[in-house]
N, C-alpha and C. Protein backbone atom coordinates (compact mmCIF):
# COMPACT_ATOMS: atom_id res chain seq x y z
N MET A 1 -70.55 17.07 -2.53
CA MET A 1 -70.19 15.84 -1.83
C MET A 1 -68.66 15.80 -1.65
N PRO A 2 -68.18 15.59 -0.41
CA PRO A 2 -66.73 15.61 -0.19
C PRO A 2 -66.04 14.48 -0.95
N ASP A 3 -64.82 14.80 -1.32
CA ASP A 3 -64.05 13.78 -2.03
C ASP A 3 -63.83 12.57 -1.13
N SER A 4 -63.94 11.41 -1.72
CA SER A 4 -63.68 10.19 -0.95
C SER A 4 -62.18 10.08 -0.69
N PRO A 5 -61.80 9.53 0.46
CA PRO A 5 -60.36 9.42 0.76
C PRO A 5 -59.66 8.56 -0.28
N ARG A 6 -58.46 8.97 -0.61
CA ARG A 6 -57.68 8.23 -1.59
C ARG A 6 -57.24 6.90 -0.97
N PRO A 7 -57.28 5.85 -1.73
CA PRO A 7 -56.86 4.55 -1.16
C PRO A 7 -55.38 4.61 -0.76
N ARG A 8 -55.10 4.02 0.37
CA ARG A 8 -53.73 4.03 0.89
C ARG A 8 -52.93 2.94 0.19
N LEU A 9 -51.77 3.35 -0.30
CA LEU A 9 -50.90 2.38 -0.94
C LEU A 9 -50.33 1.43 0.11
N TYR A 10 -50.03 0.23 -0.32
CA TYR A 10 -49.45 -0.76 0.59
C TYR A 10 -48.06 -0.31 1.03
N GLU A 11 -47.86 -0.31 2.32
CA GLU A 11 -46.56 0.05 2.88
C GLU A 11 -45.94 -1.18 3.52
N PRO A 12 -44.90 -1.73 2.92
CA PRO A 12 -44.29 -2.92 3.53
C PRO A 12 -43.66 -2.58 4.87
N PRO A 13 -43.61 -3.52 5.77
CA PRO A 13 -42.97 -3.25 7.07
C PRO A 13 -41.50 -2.92 6.89
N ALA A 14 -41.02 -2.08 7.79
CA ALA A 14 -39.61 -1.71 7.73
C ALA A 14 -38.76 -2.96 7.96
N PRO A 15 -37.70 -3.13 7.20
CA PRO A 15 -36.84 -4.31 7.40
C PRO A 15 -36.19 -4.25 8.77
N PRO A 16 -35.91 -5.39 9.36
CA PRO A 16 -35.23 -5.37 10.66
C PRO A 16 -33.86 -4.72 10.55
N ARG A 17 -33.46 -4.07 11.63
CA ARG A 17 -32.14 -3.44 11.62
C ARG A 17 -31.06 -4.51 11.53
N PRO A 18 -30.20 -4.44 10.52
CA PRO A 18 -29.15 -5.47 10.42
C PRO A 18 -28.21 -5.38 11.61
N CYS A 19 -27.82 -6.51 12.13
CA CYS A 19 -26.93 -6.49 13.29
C CYS A 19 -25.98 -7.68 13.23
N ILE A 20 -24.86 -7.51 13.89
CA ILE A 20 -23.88 -8.59 14.05
C ILE A 20 -23.74 -8.83 15.54
N GLU A 21 -24.05 -10.04 15.95
CA GLU A 21 -24.11 -10.36 17.38
C GLU A 21 -22.78 -10.85 17.93
N ARG A 22 -21.88 -11.31 17.04
CA ARG A 22 -20.66 -11.94 17.53
C ARG A 22 -19.49 -11.57 16.63
N TRP A 23 -18.38 -11.18 17.27
CA TRP A 23 -17.16 -10.82 16.54
C TRP A 23 -15.99 -11.61 17.10
N LEU A 24 -15.29 -12.30 16.22
CA LEU A 24 -14.01 -12.92 16.56
C LEU A 24 -12.95 -12.14 15.79
N ILE A 25 -12.06 -11.47 16.50
CA ILE A 25 -11.10 -10.56 15.87
C ILE A 25 -9.70 -11.08 16.12
N LEU A 26 -8.97 -11.37 15.04
CA LEU A 26 -7.59 -11.83 15.11
C LEU A 26 -6.67 -10.69 14.74
N ILE A 27 -5.68 -10.41 15.59
CA ILE A 27 -4.75 -9.31 15.36
C ILE A 27 -3.36 -9.90 15.22
N SER A 28 -2.78 -9.77 14.04
CA SER A 28 -1.49 -10.39 13.75
C SER A 28 -0.33 -9.59 14.32
N GLY A 29 0.87 -10.16 14.22
CA GLY A 29 2.06 -9.54 14.78
C GLY A 29 2.80 -8.66 13.81
N PHE A 30 3.89 -8.08 14.30
CA PHE A 30 4.74 -7.19 13.52
C PHE A 30 5.26 -7.91 12.26
N LEU A 31 5.18 -7.22 11.13
CA LEU A 31 5.64 -7.70 9.82
C LEU A 31 4.77 -8.80 9.22
N GLN A 32 3.73 -9.24 9.91
CA GLN A 32 2.83 -10.21 9.32
C GLN A 32 1.77 -9.50 8.47
N THR A 33 1.45 -10.11 7.33
CA THR A 33 0.37 -9.59 6.49
C THR A 33 -0.58 -10.73 6.16
N GLU A 34 -1.77 -10.36 5.67
CA GLU A 34 -2.78 -11.38 5.37
C GLU A 34 -2.40 -12.22 4.15
N GLY A 35 -1.42 -11.77 3.37
CA GLY A 35 -0.99 -12.53 2.20
C GLY A 35 0.11 -13.54 2.48
N GLN A 36 0.56 -13.62 3.73
CA GLN A 36 1.63 -14.55 4.08
C GLN A 36 1.06 -15.83 4.68
N PRO A 37 1.77 -16.96 4.50
CA PRO A 37 1.30 -18.23 5.07
C PRO A 37 1.68 -18.37 6.54
N THR A 38 1.15 -17.48 7.39
CA THR A 38 1.49 -17.48 8.81
C THR A 38 0.52 -18.35 9.61
N GLY A 39 0.90 -18.63 10.84
CA GLY A 39 0.01 -19.35 11.73
C GLY A 39 -1.28 -18.61 11.98
N PHE A 40 -1.22 -17.28 11.98
CA PHE A 40 -2.44 -16.51 12.25
C PHE A 40 -3.40 -16.55 11.07
N VAL A 41 -2.87 -16.54 9.85
CA VAL A 41 -3.75 -16.67 8.69
C VAL A 41 -4.41 -18.05 8.71
N ARG A 42 -3.66 -19.08 9.07
CA ARG A 42 -4.22 -20.43 9.17
C ARG A 42 -5.31 -20.48 10.24
N LEU A 43 -5.06 -19.86 11.40
CA LEU A 43 -6.05 -19.85 12.47
C LEU A 43 -7.29 -19.09 12.04
N TRP A 44 -7.10 -17.96 11.38
CA TRP A 44 -8.25 -17.19 10.88
C TRP A 44 -9.11 -18.04 9.95
N SER A 45 -8.46 -18.77 9.05
CA SER A 45 -9.20 -19.61 8.11
C SER A 45 -10.01 -20.67 8.84
N GLU A 46 -9.42 -21.28 9.87
CA GLU A 46 -10.13 -22.30 10.63
C GLU A 46 -11.33 -21.70 11.37
N LEU A 47 -11.12 -20.57 12.03
CA LEU A 47 -12.21 -19.96 12.78
C LEU A 47 -13.29 -19.42 11.85
N HIS A 48 -12.88 -18.87 10.71
CA HIS A 48 -13.85 -18.37 9.74
C HIS A 48 -14.74 -19.51 9.24
N HIS A 49 -14.15 -20.64 8.96
CA HIS A 49 -14.91 -21.79 8.46
C HIS A 49 -15.93 -22.26 9.50
N THR A 50 -15.56 -22.20 10.76
CA THR A 50 -16.40 -22.75 11.82
C THR A 50 -17.41 -21.75 12.37
N HIS A 51 -17.04 -20.47 12.43
CA HIS A 51 -17.85 -19.53 13.21
C HIS A 51 -18.48 -18.37 12.43
N SER A 52 -18.09 -18.15 11.19
CA SER A 52 -18.67 -17.00 10.47
C SER A 52 -20.08 -17.33 9.99
N GLY A 53 -20.91 -16.31 9.87
CA GLY A 53 -22.29 -16.48 9.43
C GLY A 53 -22.97 -15.14 9.32
N PRO A 54 -24.28 -15.11 9.07
CA PRO A 54 -24.99 -13.84 8.90
C PRO A 54 -24.88 -12.91 10.09
N TYR A 55 -24.80 -13.47 11.29
CA TYR A 55 -24.75 -12.65 12.49
C TYR A 55 -23.42 -12.76 13.22
N SER A 56 -22.42 -13.32 12.56
CA SER A 56 -21.12 -13.52 13.19
C SER A 56 -20.02 -13.20 12.20
N ARG A 57 -19.05 -12.38 12.63
CA ARG A 57 -17.93 -12.00 11.79
C ARG A 57 -16.62 -12.52 12.38
N VAL A 58 -15.73 -13.01 11.51
CA VAL A 58 -14.39 -13.41 11.90
C VAL A 58 -13.42 -12.53 11.12
N GLU A 59 -12.75 -11.61 11.81
CA GLU A 59 -11.92 -10.59 11.17
C GLU A 59 -10.44 -10.88 11.38
N LEU A 60 -9.63 -10.67 10.34
CA LEU A 60 -8.18 -10.72 10.46
C LEU A 60 -7.65 -9.31 10.26
N ARG A 61 -6.97 -8.76 11.28
CA ARG A 61 -6.50 -7.39 11.25
C ARG A 61 -5.00 -7.31 11.54
N ALA A 62 -4.36 -6.28 11.00
CA ALA A 62 -2.94 -6.01 11.28
C ALA A 62 -2.81 -5.30 12.62
N TRP A 63 -1.65 -5.43 13.24
CA TRP A 63 -1.43 -4.87 14.58
C TRP A 63 -1.58 -3.36 14.60
N ASP A 64 -1.37 -2.68 13.45
CA ASP A 64 -1.42 -1.22 13.43
C ASP A 64 -2.67 -0.69 12.74
N ASP A 65 -3.76 -1.46 12.75
CA ASP A 65 -5.02 -0.99 12.20
C ASP A 65 -5.60 0.15 13.04
N ASP A 66 -6.66 0.75 12.52
CA ASP A 66 -7.34 1.84 13.23
C ASP A 66 -8.40 1.24 14.15
N TRP A 67 -8.12 1.18 15.43
CA TRP A 67 -9.03 0.51 16.38
C TRP A 67 -10.24 1.36 16.71
N HIS A 68 -10.12 2.67 16.57
CA HIS A 68 -11.29 3.54 16.73
C HIS A 68 -12.34 3.19 15.69
N ASP A 69 -11.93 3.04 14.44
CA ASP A 69 -12.89 2.74 13.37
C ASP A 69 -13.53 1.37 13.56
N LEU A 70 -12.73 0.37 13.93
CA LEU A 70 -13.30 -0.96 14.13
C LEU A 70 -14.28 -0.97 15.29
N ALA A 71 -13.94 -0.30 16.38
CA ALA A 71 -14.86 -0.22 17.52
C ALA A 71 -16.15 0.48 17.12
N GLU A 72 -16.05 1.50 16.29
CA GLU A 72 -17.25 2.22 15.84
C GLU A 72 -18.11 1.30 14.97
N LEU A 73 -17.48 0.50 14.11
CA LEU A 73 -18.23 -0.44 13.28
C LEU A 73 -18.96 -1.46 14.15
N ILE A 74 -18.27 -2.01 15.14
CA ILE A 74 -18.90 -2.99 16.03
C ILE A 74 -20.07 -2.36 16.76
N TRP A 75 -19.90 -1.13 17.22
CA TRP A 75 -20.97 -0.45 17.95
C TRP A 75 -22.17 -0.19 17.05
N ARG A 76 -21.93 0.24 15.83
CA ARG A 76 -23.03 0.57 14.91
C ARG A 76 -23.78 -0.67 14.44
N CYS A 77 -23.12 -1.82 14.43
CA CYS A 77 -23.76 -3.06 13.98
C CYS A 77 -24.29 -3.90 15.13
N ARG A 78 -24.27 -3.38 16.34
CA ARG A 78 -24.67 -4.16 17.51
C ARG A 78 -26.17 -4.39 17.53
N PRO A 79 -26.64 -5.44 18.22
CA PRO A 79 -28.08 -5.61 18.43
C PRO A 79 -28.64 -4.47 19.28
N ARG A 80 -29.93 -4.30 19.22
CA ARG A 80 -30.56 -3.18 19.94
C ARG A 80 -30.34 -3.26 21.45
N ASP A 81 -30.22 -4.46 21.98
CA ASP A 81 -30.01 -4.59 23.42
C ASP A 81 -28.53 -4.47 23.81
N ASN A 82 -27.68 -4.14 22.83
CA ASN A 82 -26.24 -3.95 23.06
C ASN A 82 -25.53 -5.25 23.44
N GLY A 83 -26.21 -6.38 23.23
CA GLY A 83 -25.65 -7.67 23.65
C GLY A 83 -24.72 -8.26 22.62
N VAL A 84 -23.63 -7.58 22.32
CA VAL A 84 -22.69 -8.07 21.33
C VAL A 84 -21.57 -8.83 22.03
N ASP A 85 -21.16 -9.95 21.43
CA ASP A 85 -20.15 -10.84 21.99
C ASP A 85 -18.86 -10.65 21.21
N VAL A 86 -17.82 -10.11 21.87
CA VAL A 86 -16.55 -9.84 21.22
C VAL A 86 -15.46 -10.70 21.87
N ARG A 87 -14.67 -11.38 21.03
CA ARG A 87 -13.53 -12.16 21.50
C ARG A 87 -12.34 -11.80 20.62
N ILE A 88 -11.17 -11.63 21.24
CA ILE A 88 -10.00 -11.14 20.53
C ILE A 88 -8.85 -12.14 20.67
N PHE A 89 -8.16 -12.37 19.56
CA PHE A 89 -7.01 -13.28 19.50
C PHE A 89 -5.84 -12.47 18.95
N ALA A 90 -4.71 -12.44 19.67
CA ALA A 90 -3.64 -11.54 19.27
C ALA A 90 -2.27 -12.15 19.49
N TYR A 91 -1.33 -11.79 18.60
CA TYR A 91 0.03 -12.32 18.63
C TYR A 91 1.03 -11.18 18.65
N SER A 92 2.06 -11.30 19.51
CA SER A 92 3.19 -10.37 19.55
C SER A 92 2.70 -8.93 19.76
N TRP A 93 3.05 -8.00 18.84
CA TRP A 93 2.59 -6.61 18.98
C TRP A 93 1.07 -6.49 18.85
N GLY A 94 0.43 -7.54 18.41
CA GLY A 94 -1.03 -7.53 18.41
C GLY A 94 -1.61 -7.49 19.82
N GLY A 95 -0.81 -7.93 20.83
CA GLY A 95 -1.29 -7.91 22.22
C GLY A 95 -1.63 -6.52 22.70
N PRO A 96 -0.69 -5.55 22.63
CA PRO A 96 -1.04 -4.18 23.01
C PRO A 96 -2.16 -3.60 22.15
N SER A 97 -2.21 -3.98 20.87
CA SER A 97 -3.30 -3.50 20.01
C SER A 97 -4.65 -4.02 20.49
N ALA A 98 -4.67 -5.26 20.99
CA ALA A 98 -5.91 -5.81 21.54
C ALA A 98 -6.41 -4.97 22.70
N MET A 99 -5.47 -4.46 23.53
CA MET A 99 -5.87 -3.62 24.65
C MET A 99 -6.43 -2.28 24.17
N LYS A 100 -5.83 -1.74 23.10
CA LYS A 100 -6.36 -0.49 22.54
C LYS A 100 -7.79 -0.69 22.03
N LEU A 101 -8.02 -1.81 21.33
CA LEU A 101 -9.38 -2.07 20.84
C LEU A 101 -10.34 -2.25 22.01
N ALA A 102 -9.93 -2.96 23.05
CA ALA A 102 -10.80 -3.17 24.22
C ALA A 102 -11.17 -1.83 24.86
N ARG A 103 -10.21 -0.91 24.91
CA ARG A 103 -10.50 0.40 25.50
C ARG A 103 -11.47 1.20 24.62
N GLU A 104 -11.27 1.12 23.31
CA GLU A 104 -12.19 1.81 22.40
C GLU A 104 -13.61 1.23 22.53
N LEU A 105 -13.71 -0.07 22.65
CA LEU A 105 -15.03 -0.69 22.83
C LEU A 105 -15.64 -0.29 24.17
N GLY A 106 -14.80 -0.24 25.22
CA GLY A 106 -15.28 0.15 26.53
C GLY A 106 -15.88 1.54 26.54
N ARG A 107 -15.31 2.45 25.76
CA ARG A 107 -15.86 3.81 25.66
C ARG A 107 -17.25 3.81 25.05
N ARG A 108 -17.59 2.75 24.35
CA ARG A 108 -18.90 2.62 23.73
C ARG A 108 -19.81 1.67 24.50
N GLY A 109 -19.39 1.29 25.69
CA GLY A 109 -20.22 0.43 26.53
C GLY A 109 -20.22 -1.03 26.15
N ILE A 110 -19.17 -1.48 25.43
CA ILE A 110 -19.10 -2.88 24.98
C ILE A 110 -17.94 -3.58 25.68
N ARG A 111 -18.22 -4.73 26.28
CA ARG A 111 -17.19 -5.52 26.93
C ARG A 111 -16.62 -6.56 25.97
N VAL A 112 -15.39 -6.95 26.23
CA VAL A 112 -14.75 -8.06 25.50
C VAL A 112 -14.94 -9.31 26.35
N ARG A 113 -15.59 -10.31 25.78
CA ARG A 113 -15.87 -11.54 26.53
C ARG A 113 -14.59 -12.24 26.95
N ALA A 114 -13.63 -12.37 26.02
CA ALA A 114 -12.38 -13.07 26.35
C ALA A 114 -11.32 -12.73 25.32
N MET A 115 -10.06 -12.93 25.73
CA MET A 115 -8.92 -12.79 24.84
C MET A 115 -8.06 -14.05 24.91
N ALA A 116 -7.45 -14.38 23.77
CA ALA A 116 -6.40 -15.41 23.73
C ALA A 116 -5.16 -14.74 23.16
N LEU A 117 -4.09 -14.66 23.96
CA LEU A 117 -2.88 -13.94 23.57
C LEU A 117 -1.73 -14.91 23.34
N CYS A 118 -0.97 -14.65 22.29
CA CYS A 118 0.16 -15.50 21.92
C CYS A 118 1.45 -14.69 22.04
N ASP A 119 2.23 -14.99 23.08
CA ASP A 119 3.50 -14.31 23.33
C ASP A 119 3.37 -12.80 23.09
N PRO A 120 2.46 -12.13 23.82
CA PRO A 120 2.22 -10.71 23.57
C PRO A 120 3.40 -9.86 24.01
N VAL A 121 3.84 -8.96 23.14
CA VAL A 121 5.04 -8.16 23.37
C VAL A 121 4.65 -6.70 23.57
N TYR A 122 5.10 -6.15 24.70
CA TYR A 122 4.85 -4.74 25.01
C TYR A 122 5.42 -3.85 23.91
N ARG A 123 4.71 -2.78 23.59
CA ARG A 123 5.19 -1.83 22.59
C ARG A 123 5.00 -0.42 23.11
N ASP A 124 6.10 0.33 23.17
CA ASP A 124 6.08 1.74 23.52
C ASP A 124 6.27 2.53 22.23
N ARG A 125 5.35 3.42 21.95
CA ARG A 125 5.38 4.15 20.67
C ARG A 125 6.66 4.94 20.48
N TRP A 126 7.20 5.48 21.57
CA TRP A 126 8.37 6.37 21.47
C TRP A 126 9.67 5.69 21.88
N ARG A 127 9.57 4.59 22.64
CA ARG A 127 10.79 3.93 23.14
C ARG A 127 10.72 2.44 22.79
N LEU A 128 10.97 2.15 21.52
CA LEU A 128 10.84 0.76 21.05
C LEU A 128 11.86 -0.17 21.70
N TRP A 129 12.96 0.39 22.21
CA TRP A 129 13.96 -0.45 22.85
C TRP A 129 13.41 -1.18 24.07
N ARG A 130 12.31 -0.67 24.65
CA ARG A 130 11.74 -1.32 25.83
C ARG A 130 11.17 -2.70 25.50
N THR A 131 10.93 -2.97 24.21
CA THR A 131 10.45 -4.28 23.79
C THR A 131 11.42 -5.39 24.20
N LEU A 132 12.73 -5.06 24.28
CA LEU A 132 13.76 -6.05 24.52
C LEU A 132 14.07 -6.27 26.00
N PHE A 133 13.34 -5.60 26.88
CA PHE A 133 13.56 -5.76 28.32
C PHE A 133 12.37 -6.45 28.96
N PRO A 134 12.60 -7.19 30.04
CA PRO A 134 11.52 -8.01 30.61
C PRO A 134 10.54 -7.29 31.52
N TRP A 135 10.86 -6.05 31.95
CA TRP A 135 10.04 -5.47 33.01
C TRP A 135 8.73 -4.80 32.57
N PRO A 136 8.54 -4.37 31.30
CA PRO A 136 7.23 -3.77 30.97
C PRO A 136 6.08 -4.75 31.16
N GLU A 137 4.91 -4.23 31.45
CA GLU A 137 3.71 -5.04 31.61
C GLU A 137 2.66 -4.62 30.57
N ILE A 138 1.87 -5.58 30.16
CA ILE A 138 0.72 -5.30 29.30
C ILE A 138 -0.49 -5.29 30.21
N ARG A 139 -1.12 -4.14 30.35
CA ARG A 139 -2.23 -3.97 31.28
C ARG A 139 -3.56 -4.16 30.56
N VAL A 140 -4.39 -5.01 31.15
CA VAL A 140 -5.66 -5.39 30.54
C VAL A 140 -6.77 -4.51 31.12
N PRO A 141 -7.55 -3.83 30.27
CA PRO A 141 -8.62 -2.96 30.77
C PRO A 141 -9.70 -3.72 31.53
N THR A 142 -10.42 -3.01 32.35
CA THR A 142 -11.49 -3.62 33.15
C THR A 142 -12.65 -4.11 32.32
N THR A 143 -12.71 -3.73 31.06
CA THR A 143 -13.82 -4.15 30.19
C THR A 143 -13.57 -5.51 29.55
N VAL A 144 -12.50 -6.19 29.92
CA VAL A 144 -12.20 -7.53 29.40
C VAL A 144 -12.56 -8.56 30.47
N GLY A 145 -13.29 -9.59 30.09
CA GLY A 145 -13.74 -10.59 31.05
C GLY A 145 -12.64 -11.53 31.51
N GLU A 146 -11.91 -12.13 30.58
CA GLU A 146 -10.83 -13.03 30.95
C GLU A 146 -9.80 -13.13 29.84
N VAL A 147 -8.59 -13.54 30.24
CA VAL A 147 -7.48 -13.65 29.30
C VAL A 147 -6.78 -14.98 29.50
N ALA A 148 -6.66 -15.76 28.42
CA ALA A 148 -5.82 -16.95 28.40
C ALA A 148 -4.64 -16.65 27.49
N TRP A 149 -3.45 -17.17 27.84
CA TRP A 149 -2.30 -16.80 27.01
C TRP A 149 -1.19 -17.82 27.09
N VAL A 150 -0.33 -17.76 26.07
CA VAL A 150 0.86 -18.60 26.01
C VAL A 150 2.07 -17.70 25.84
N ARG A 151 3.23 -18.18 26.32
CA ARG A 151 4.47 -17.41 26.18
C ARG A 151 5.64 -18.37 26.01
N GLN A 152 6.80 -17.82 25.62
CA GLN A 152 8.00 -18.63 25.46
C GLN A 152 9.19 -17.93 26.14
N ARG A 153 10.21 -18.72 26.45
CA ARG A 153 11.40 -18.21 27.14
C ARG A 153 12.69 -18.52 26.37
N ARG A 154 12.58 -18.81 25.08
CA ARG A 154 13.76 -19.26 24.33
C ARG A 154 14.54 -18.13 23.69
N ASP A 155 13.87 -17.08 23.23
CA ASP A 155 14.59 -16.01 22.54
C ASP A 155 13.86 -14.68 22.71
N TRP A 156 14.38 -13.65 22.05
CA TRP A 156 13.79 -12.32 22.10
C TRP A 156 13.30 -11.91 20.72
N PRO A 157 12.22 -11.11 20.65
CA PRO A 157 11.43 -10.67 21.80
C PRO A 157 10.62 -11.83 22.38
N GLN A 158 10.21 -11.66 23.62
CA GLN A 158 9.38 -12.68 24.24
C GLN A 158 8.26 -12.00 25.01
N GLY A 159 7.21 -12.78 25.24
CA GLY A 159 6.00 -12.24 25.85
C GLY A 159 6.26 -11.56 27.19
N HIS A 160 5.64 -10.40 27.37
CA HIS A 160 5.72 -9.68 28.64
C HIS A 160 4.56 -10.09 29.55
N ASP A 161 4.70 -9.76 30.82
CA ASP A 161 3.66 -10.10 31.79
C ASP A 161 2.35 -9.41 31.42
N VAL A 162 1.25 -10.15 31.59
CA VAL A 162 -0.09 -9.63 31.34
C VAL A 162 -0.76 -9.43 32.70
N VAL A 163 -1.19 -8.21 32.99
CA VAL A 163 -1.69 -7.84 34.31
C VAL A 163 -3.05 -7.15 34.19
N ALA A 164 -3.99 -7.55 35.03
CA ALA A 164 -5.31 -6.91 35.03
C ALA A 164 -5.26 -5.56 35.72
N GLU A 165 -5.90 -4.57 35.14
CA GLU A 165 -6.02 -3.28 35.82
C GLU A 165 -6.87 -3.41 37.08
N ASP A 166 -7.83 -4.34 37.07
CA ASP A 166 -8.66 -4.61 38.24
C ASP A 166 -8.95 -6.11 38.25
N ALA A 167 -8.33 -6.82 39.18
CA ALA A 167 -8.48 -8.28 39.24
C ALA A 167 -9.91 -8.71 39.57
N ARG A 168 -10.72 -7.79 40.10
CA ARG A 168 -12.12 -8.12 40.37
C ARG A 168 -12.95 -8.13 39.09
N GLN A 169 -12.47 -7.46 38.04
CA GLN A 169 -13.21 -7.36 36.79
C GLN A 169 -12.69 -8.32 35.72
N THR A 170 -11.41 -8.70 35.81
CA THR A 170 -10.78 -9.48 34.75
C THR A 170 -10.02 -10.67 35.33
N ILE A 171 -10.25 -11.84 34.77
CA ILE A 171 -9.51 -13.04 35.16
C ILE A 171 -8.33 -13.21 34.21
N ILE A 172 -7.11 -13.26 34.75
CA ILE A 172 -5.93 -13.54 33.95
C ILE A 172 -5.46 -14.96 34.31
N HIS A 173 -5.57 -15.88 33.38
CA HIS A 173 -5.15 -17.24 33.64
C HIS A 173 -3.62 -17.34 33.60
N GLU A 174 -3.10 -18.33 34.29
CA GLU A 174 -1.66 -18.56 34.26
C GLU A 174 -1.22 -18.91 32.83
N PRO A 175 -0.09 -18.36 32.38
CA PRO A 175 0.32 -18.64 30.99
C PRO A 175 0.83 -20.07 30.82
N ARG A 176 0.61 -20.61 29.65
CA ARG A 176 1.20 -21.89 29.28
C ARG A 176 2.53 -21.60 28.58
N ILE A 177 3.58 -22.28 28.99
CA ILE A 177 4.90 -22.08 28.41
C ILE A 177 5.06 -23.01 27.20
N VAL A 178 5.43 -22.41 26.07
CA VAL A 178 5.61 -23.18 24.84
C VAL A 178 7.10 -23.22 24.51
N ASP A 179 7.60 -24.39 24.18
CA ASP A 179 9.02 -24.57 23.94
C ASP A 179 9.35 -24.34 22.46
N CYS A 180 9.29 -23.09 22.04
CA CYS A 180 9.72 -22.71 20.69
C CYS A 180 10.03 -21.22 20.69
N GLY A 181 10.68 -20.73 19.65
CA GLY A 181 11.02 -19.32 19.57
C GLY A 181 9.81 -18.46 19.23
N HIS A 182 10.00 -17.15 19.43
CA HIS A 182 8.90 -16.20 19.23
C HIS A 182 8.32 -16.28 17.82
N THR A 183 9.18 -16.42 16.81
CA THR A 183 8.74 -16.41 15.42
C THR A 183 7.74 -17.52 15.11
N TYR A 184 7.82 -18.62 15.85
CA TYR A 184 6.98 -19.79 15.55
C TYR A 184 5.81 -19.94 16.52
N MET A 185 5.64 -18.99 17.42
CA MET A 185 4.62 -19.14 18.45
C MET A 185 3.21 -19.20 17.89
N ASP A 186 2.92 -18.43 16.85
CA ASP A 186 1.55 -18.44 16.32
C ASP A 186 1.24 -19.72 15.56
N ASP A 187 2.27 -20.54 15.29
CA ASP A 187 2.06 -21.85 14.69
C ASP A 187 1.94 -22.95 15.74
N SER A 188 2.12 -22.60 17.00
CA SER A 188 2.17 -23.63 18.05
C SER A 188 0.81 -24.29 18.26
N LYS A 189 0.86 -25.59 18.49
CA LYS A 189 -0.36 -26.36 18.73
C LYS A 189 -1.08 -25.86 19.98
N GLN A 190 -0.30 -25.50 21.01
CA GLN A 190 -0.90 -25.06 22.27
C GLN A 190 -1.76 -23.80 22.08
N PHE A 191 -1.24 -22.84 21.31
CA PHE A 191 -2.01 -21.62 21.12
C PHE A 191 -3.24 -21.87 20.26
N ARG A 192 -3.09 -22.63 19.19
CA ARG A 192 -4.24 -22.88 18.32
C ARG A 192 -5.35 -23.61 19.08
N GLN A 193 -4.99 -24.57 19.91
CA GLN A 193 -6.00 -25.26 20.72
C GLN A 193 -6.69 -24.28 21.66
N MET A 194 -5.89 -23.42 22.29
CA MET A 194 -6.44 -22.43 23.22
C MET A 194 -7.41 -21.50 22.48
N ALA A 195 -7.02 -21.06 21.29
CA ALA A 195 -7.87 -20.14 20.53
C ALA A 195 -9.20 -20.79 20.18
N HIS A 196 -9.19 -22.05 19.79
CA HIS A 196 -10.44 -22.74 19.45
C HIS A 196 -11.33 -22.90 20.68
N VAL A 197 -10.73 -23.14 21.84
CA VAL A 197 -11.52 -23.24 23.07
C VAL A 197 -12.18 -21.89 23.39
N ILE A 198 -11.42 -20.81 23.27
CA ILE A 198 -11.98 -19.48 23.53
C ILE A 198 -13.10 -19.17 22.56
N ALA A 199 -12.93 -19.54 21.29
CA ALA A 199 -13.95 -19.26 20.29
C ALA A 199 -15.25 -20.03 20.55
N ARG A 200 -15.13 -21.26 21.11
CA ARG A 200 -16.32 -22.11 21.30
C ARG A 200 -17.02 -21.87 22.62
N MET A 201 -16.34 -21.36 23.61
CA MET A 201 -16.94 -21.35 24.94
C MET A 201 -18.20 -20.48 25.00
N GLY A 202 -19.11 -20.90 25.90
CA GLY A 202 -20.37 -20.19 26.01
C GLY A 202 -20.28 -18.95 26.86
């Protein structure tokens, strides 16, 4: 008589693939660290309190972080339909870094929903003196949906012009002028209000 089939052990269903659907990424300026009482640390704390959760991350990053690694993390944690919502907030040298991150995400098929920039300052890796001249432009990749920003005209360094690589793909709003020096821009009420609007919009 053939052996009776062995009873099958219970196999629990595979757990759902963990995913993060929404990323709010704050990129601080030159010489700022997460241990300092800066306007960006305060903004991060406010956004973290309001928007972080099981499927939403609020990250505070330095301007010289590894954007390839962060883009890879976002890609690996994305939902299966690739419908990840990324919004970036950046100050000073964090502005060019935001563009680097957007390009890294674009290589992985991920768009940036919106950016909020605070007096973004152009940075040339080899010619830092260009930071002090008004003519450089910060070019926004086509993978960014829209950009809202604030700038000041009181001292140096000061925000450089923000220009879309393709105006059909990216909306660049007119900048709001803030009457304070560059050092205090990330503490400005105008920028913080703008950042909260960008974080909440549908």
